[in-house]
C-alpha atoms as a PDB file:
ATOM      1  CA  UNK A   1      79.671  77.462 120.449  1.00  0.00           C
ATOM      2  CA  UNK A   2      79.972  78.280 124.127  1.00  0.00           C
ATOM      3  CA  UNK A   3      78.070  81.309 125.480  1.00  0.00           C
ATOM      4  CA  UNK A   4      81.361  83.095 126.214  1.00  0.00           C
ATOM      5  CA  UNK A   5      82.924  82.678 122.773  1.00  0.00           C
ATOM      6  CA  UNK A   6      82.597  85.503 120.288  1.00  0.00           C
ATOM      7  CA  UNK A   7      82.482  84.841 116.535  1.00  0.00           C
ATOM      8  CA  UNK A   8      85.141  86.534 114.485  1.00  0.00           C
ATOM      9  CA  UNK A   9      85.510  86.833 110.715  1.00  0.00           C
ATOM     10  CA  UNK A  10      89.055  87.201 109.404  1.00  0.00           C
ATOM     11  CA  UNK A  11      89.320  87.884 105.658  1.00  0.00           C
ATOM     12  CA  UNK A  12      91.687  85.625 103.696  1.00  0.00           C
ATOM     13  CA  UNK A  13      92.882  87.473 100.599  1.00  0.00           C
ATOM     14  CA  UNK A  14      94.315  85.642  97.601  1.00  0.00           C
ATOM     15  CA  UNK A  15      97.111  87.660  95.990  1.00  0.00           C
ATOM     16  CA  UNK A  16      99.530  87.083  93.145  1.00  0.00           C
ATOM     17  CA  UNK A  17     102.559  88.119  95.260  1.00  0.00           C
ATOM     18  CA  UNK A  18     102.175  87.730  99.035  1.00  0.00           C
ATOM     19  CA  UNK A  19     105.512  89.385  99.831  1.00  0.00           C
ATOM     20  CA  UNK A  20     104.534  92.547  97.930  1.00  0.00           C
ATOM     21  CA  UNK A  21     101.032  92.481  99.427  1.00  0.00           C
ATOM     22  CA  UNK A  22     102.439  92.322 102.962  1.00  0.00           C
ATOM     23  CA  UNK A  23     104.756  95.247 102.140  1.00  0.00           C
ATOM     24  CA  UNK A  24     101.760  97.255 100.878  1.00  0.00           C
ATOM     25  CA  UNK A  25      99.592  96.555 103.953  1.00  0.00           C
ATOM     26  CA  UNK A  26     102.462  97.468 106.267  1.00  0.00           C
ATOM     27  CA  UNK A  27     103.097 100.759 104.413  1.00  0.00           C
ATOM     28  CA  UNK A  28      99.435 101.666 103.843  1.00  0.00           C
ATOM     29  CA  UNK A  29      97.918 100.598 107.158  1.00  0.00           C
ATOM     30  CA  UNK A  30     100.804 100.056 109.546  1.00  0.00           C
ATOM     31  CA  UNK A  31      99.864  96.368 109.579  1.00  0.00           C
ATOM     32  CA  UNK A  32     101.874  94.104 111.877  1.00  0.00           C
ATOM     33  CA  UNK A  33     103.047  90.757 110.573  1.00  0.00           C
ATOM     34  CA  UNK A  34     101.909  88.165 113.136  1.00  0.00           C
ATOM     35  CA  UNK A  35     103.022  85.002 111.367  1.00  0.00           C
ATOM     36  CA  UNK A  36     104.163  83.805 107.995  1.00  0.00           C
ATOM     37  CA  UNK A  37     104.901  80.670 106.029  1.00  0.00           C
ATOM     38  CA  UNK A  38     107.612  80.929 103.410  1.00  0.00           C
ATOM     39  CA  UNK A  39     107.457  79.719  99.861  1.00  0.00           C
ATOM     40  CA  UNK A  40     110.112  77.808  97.919  1.00  0.00           C
ATOM     41  CA  UNK A  41     111.415  81.102  96.499  1.00  0.00           C
ATOM     42  CA  UNK A  42     112.148  82.518  99.969  1.00  0.00           C
ATOM     43  CA  UNK A  43     109.191  84.904  99.814  1.00  0.00           C
ATOM     44  CA  UNK A  44     105.975  84.790 101.807  1.00  0.00           C
ATOM     45  CA  UNK A  45     103.389  82.164 100.876  1.00  0.00           C
ATOM     46  CA  UNK A  46     100.862  82.823 103.669  1.00  0.00           C
ATOM     47  CA  UNK A  47     100.844  85.633 106.222  1.00  0.00           C
ATOM     48  CA  UNK A  48      98.655  86.613 109.137  1.00  0.00           C
ATOM     49  CA  UNK A  49      98.512  90.380 109.713  1.00  0.00           C
ATOM     50  CA  UNK A  50      96.908  92.740 112.207  1.00  0.00           C
ATOM     51  CA  UNK A  51      95.744  96.317 111.763  1.00  0.00           C
ATOM     52  CA  UNK A  52      95.057  97.661 115.244  1.00  0.00           C
ATOM     53  CA  UNK A  53      93.937  94.210 116.398  1.00  0.00           C
ATOM     54  CA  UNK A  54      91.848  93.424 113.295  1.00  0.00           C
ATOM     55  CA  UNK A  55      93.241  90.163 111.908  1.00  0.00           C
ATOM     56  CA  UNK A  56      93.405  89.178 108.245  1.00  0.00           C
ATOM     57  CA  UNK A  57      95.383  86.785 106.081  1.00  0.00           C
ATOM     58  CA  UNK A  58      97.025  86.897 102.658  1.00  0.00           C
ATOM     59  CA  UNK A  59      98.018  83.908 100.559  1.00  0.00           C
ATOM     60  CA  UNK A  60      99.981  83.807  97.358  1.00  0.00           C
ATOM     61  CA  UNK A  61      97.707  82.135  94.824  1.00  0.00           C
ATOM     62  CA  UNK A  62      98.121  83.270  91.229  1.00  0.00           C
ATOM     63  CA  UNK A  63      95.026  81.322  90.157  1.00  0.00           C
ATOM     64  CA  UNK A  64      92.520  83.169  92.339  1.00  0.00           C
ATOM     65  CA  UNK A  65      93.371  86.843  92.511  1.00  0.00           C
ATOM     66  CA  UNK A  66      90.633  89.365  91.556  1.00  0.00           C
ATOM     67  CA  UNK A  67      89.712  89.789  87.905  1.00  0.00           C
ATOM     68  CA  UNK A  68      90.401  93.356  86.775  1.00  0.00           C
ATOM     69  CA  UNK A  69      87.590  93.112  84.218  1.00  0.00           C
ATOM     70  CA  UNK A  70      84.888  92.525  86.865  1.00  0.00           C
ATOM     71  CA  UNK A  71      83.834  94.584  89.856  1.00  0.00           C
ATOM     72  CA  UNK A  72      85.004  93.091  93.149  1.00  0.00           C
ATOM     73  CA  UNK A  73      82.541  90.869  94.990  1.00  0.00           C
ATOM     74  CA  UNK A  74      83.945  91.740  98.433  1.00  0.00           C
ATOM     75  CA  UNK A  75      85.012  95.055  99.933  1.00  0.00           C
ATOM     76  CA  UNK A  76      86.984  95.387 103.159  1.00  0.00           C
ATOM     77  CA  UNK A  77      85.973  98.311 105.374  1.00  0.00           C
ATOM     78  CA  UNK A  78      88.645  99.574 107.738  1.00  0.00           C
ATOM     79  CA  UNK A  79      87.318 101.916 110.427  1.00  0.00           C
ATOM     80  CA  UNK A  80      89.934 104.548 111.242  1.00  0.00           C
ATOM     81  CA  UNK A  81      90.122 107.859 113.108  1.00  0.00           C
ATOM     82  CA  UNK A  82      91.336 109.786 110.033  1.00  0.00           C
ATOM     83  CA  UNK A  83      90.091 108.447 106.669  1.00  0.00           C
ATOM     84  CA  UNK A  84      91.807 111.302 104.779  1.00  0.00           C
ATOM     85  CA  UNK A  85      95.236 110.362 106.136  1.00  0.00           C
ATOM     86  CA  UNK A  86      94.557 106.637 105.694  1.00  0.00           C
ATOM     87  CA  UNK A  87      93.618 107.115 102.036  1.00  0.00           C
ATOM     88  CA  UNK A  88      96.739 109.231 101.431  1.00  0.00           C
ATOM     89  CA  UNK A  89      98.961 106.509 102.977  1.00  0.00           C
ATOM     90  CA  UNK A  90      97.303 103.875 100.788  1.00  0.00           C
ATOM     91  CA  UNK A  91      97.846 105.994  97.657  1.00  0.00           C
ATOM     92  CA  UNK A  92     101.489 106.586  98.585  1.00  0.00           C
ATOM     93  CA  UNK A  93     101.911 102.813  99.024  1.00  0.00           C
ATOM     94  CA  UNK A  94     100.497 102.137  95.539  1.00  0.00           C
ATOM     95  CA  UNK A  95      96.684 102.033  95.831  1.00  0.00           C
ATOM     96  CA  UNK A  96      94.346 103.363  93.137  1.00  0.00           C
ATOM     97  CA  UNK A  97      91.554 105.702  94.248  1.00  0.00           C
ATOM     98  CA  UNK A  98      88.006 104.555  93.485  1.00  0.00           C
ATOM     99  CA  UNK A  99      86.280 107.351  95.432  1.00  0.00           C
ATOM    100  CA  UNK A 100      87.914 110.259  97.262  1.00  0.00           C
ATOM    101  CA  UNK A 101      87.077 110.777 100.925  1.00  0.00           C
ATOM    102  CA  UNK A 102      83.608 112.249 101.271  1.00  0.00           C
ATOM    103  CA  UNK A 103      80.682 112.346 103.691  1.00  0.00           C
ATOM    104  CA  UNK A 104      77.629 110.219 103.025  1.00  0.00           C
ATOM    105  CA  UNK A 105      75.020 108.372 105.110  1.00  0.00           C
ATOM    106  CA  UNK A 106      76.607 109.492 108.389  1.00  0.00           C
ATOM    107  CA  UNK A 107      80.111 108.367 107.474  1.00  0.00           C
ATOM    108  CA  UNK A 108      83.303 109.997 106.228  1.00  0.00           C
ATOM    109  CA  UNK A 109      84.679 107.463 103.791  1.00  0.00           C
ATOM    110  CA  UNK A 110      87.037 106.953 100.872  1.00  0.00           C
ATOM    111  CA  UNK A 111      87.554 103.923  98.667  1.00  0.00           C
ATOM    112  CA  UNK A 112      90.528 102.421  96.856  1.00  0.00           C
ATOM    113  CA  UNK A 113      91.819  99.284  95.185  1.00  0.00           C
ATOM    114  CA  UNK A 114      95.058  97.839  96.514  1.00  0.00           C
ATOM    115  CA  UNK A 115      97.855  96.666  94.178  1.00  0.00           C
ATOM    116  CA  UNK A 116      96.566  93.063  94.457  1.00  0.00           C
ATOM    117  CA  UNK A 117      93.151  94.137  93.143  1.00  0.00           C
ATOM    118  CA  UNK A 118      91.198  94.078  96.428  1.00  0.00           C
ATOM    119  CA  UNK A 119      88.664  96.816  97.173  1.00  0.00           C
ATOM    120  CA  UNK A 120      88.899  98.751 100.488  1.00  0.00           C
ATOM    121  CA  UNK A 121      87.115 101.570 102.259  1.00  0.00           C
ATOM    122  CA  UNK A 122      88.644 103.678 105.006  1.00  0.00           C
ATOM    123  CA  UNK A 123      85.828 105.109 107.043  1.00  0.00           C
ATOM    124  CA  UNK A 124      84.809 106.877 110.209  1.00  0.00           C
ATOM    125  CA  UNK A 125      81.267 107.147 111.490  1.00  0.00           C
ATOM    126  CA  UNK A 126      80.398 110.806 112.009  1.00  0.00           C
ATOM    127  CA  UNK A 127      79.231 111.908 115.423  1.00  0.00           C
ATOM    128  CA  UNK A 128      81.172 109.140 117.128  1.00  0.00           C
END
């Protein structure tokens, strides 16, 4: 790694329906679709999305989406200016609330599960 390069981690989410997942992330977060690869059915197989410059991927893979009977092993945290509004948009787009927006440990944060079964927090550090 060169001294000027900066590591970046971009989550890659397995979902059972990539087209519906992209629709959710666009409605809930205002995500921009940067690129996509289509499947045989005309829908999206793989998509690269951006939320305010934060990049992530979704891939249609019915064999590896989260198990509803187990707690998620990964949680995405999306830092936003208004967690209350972000949680409301996610709910309106089809998310299920895990924890309402509240203040704890110097953060204002709420938590939800998206329709594909992935766990998210929308948070803002207080005093910043």
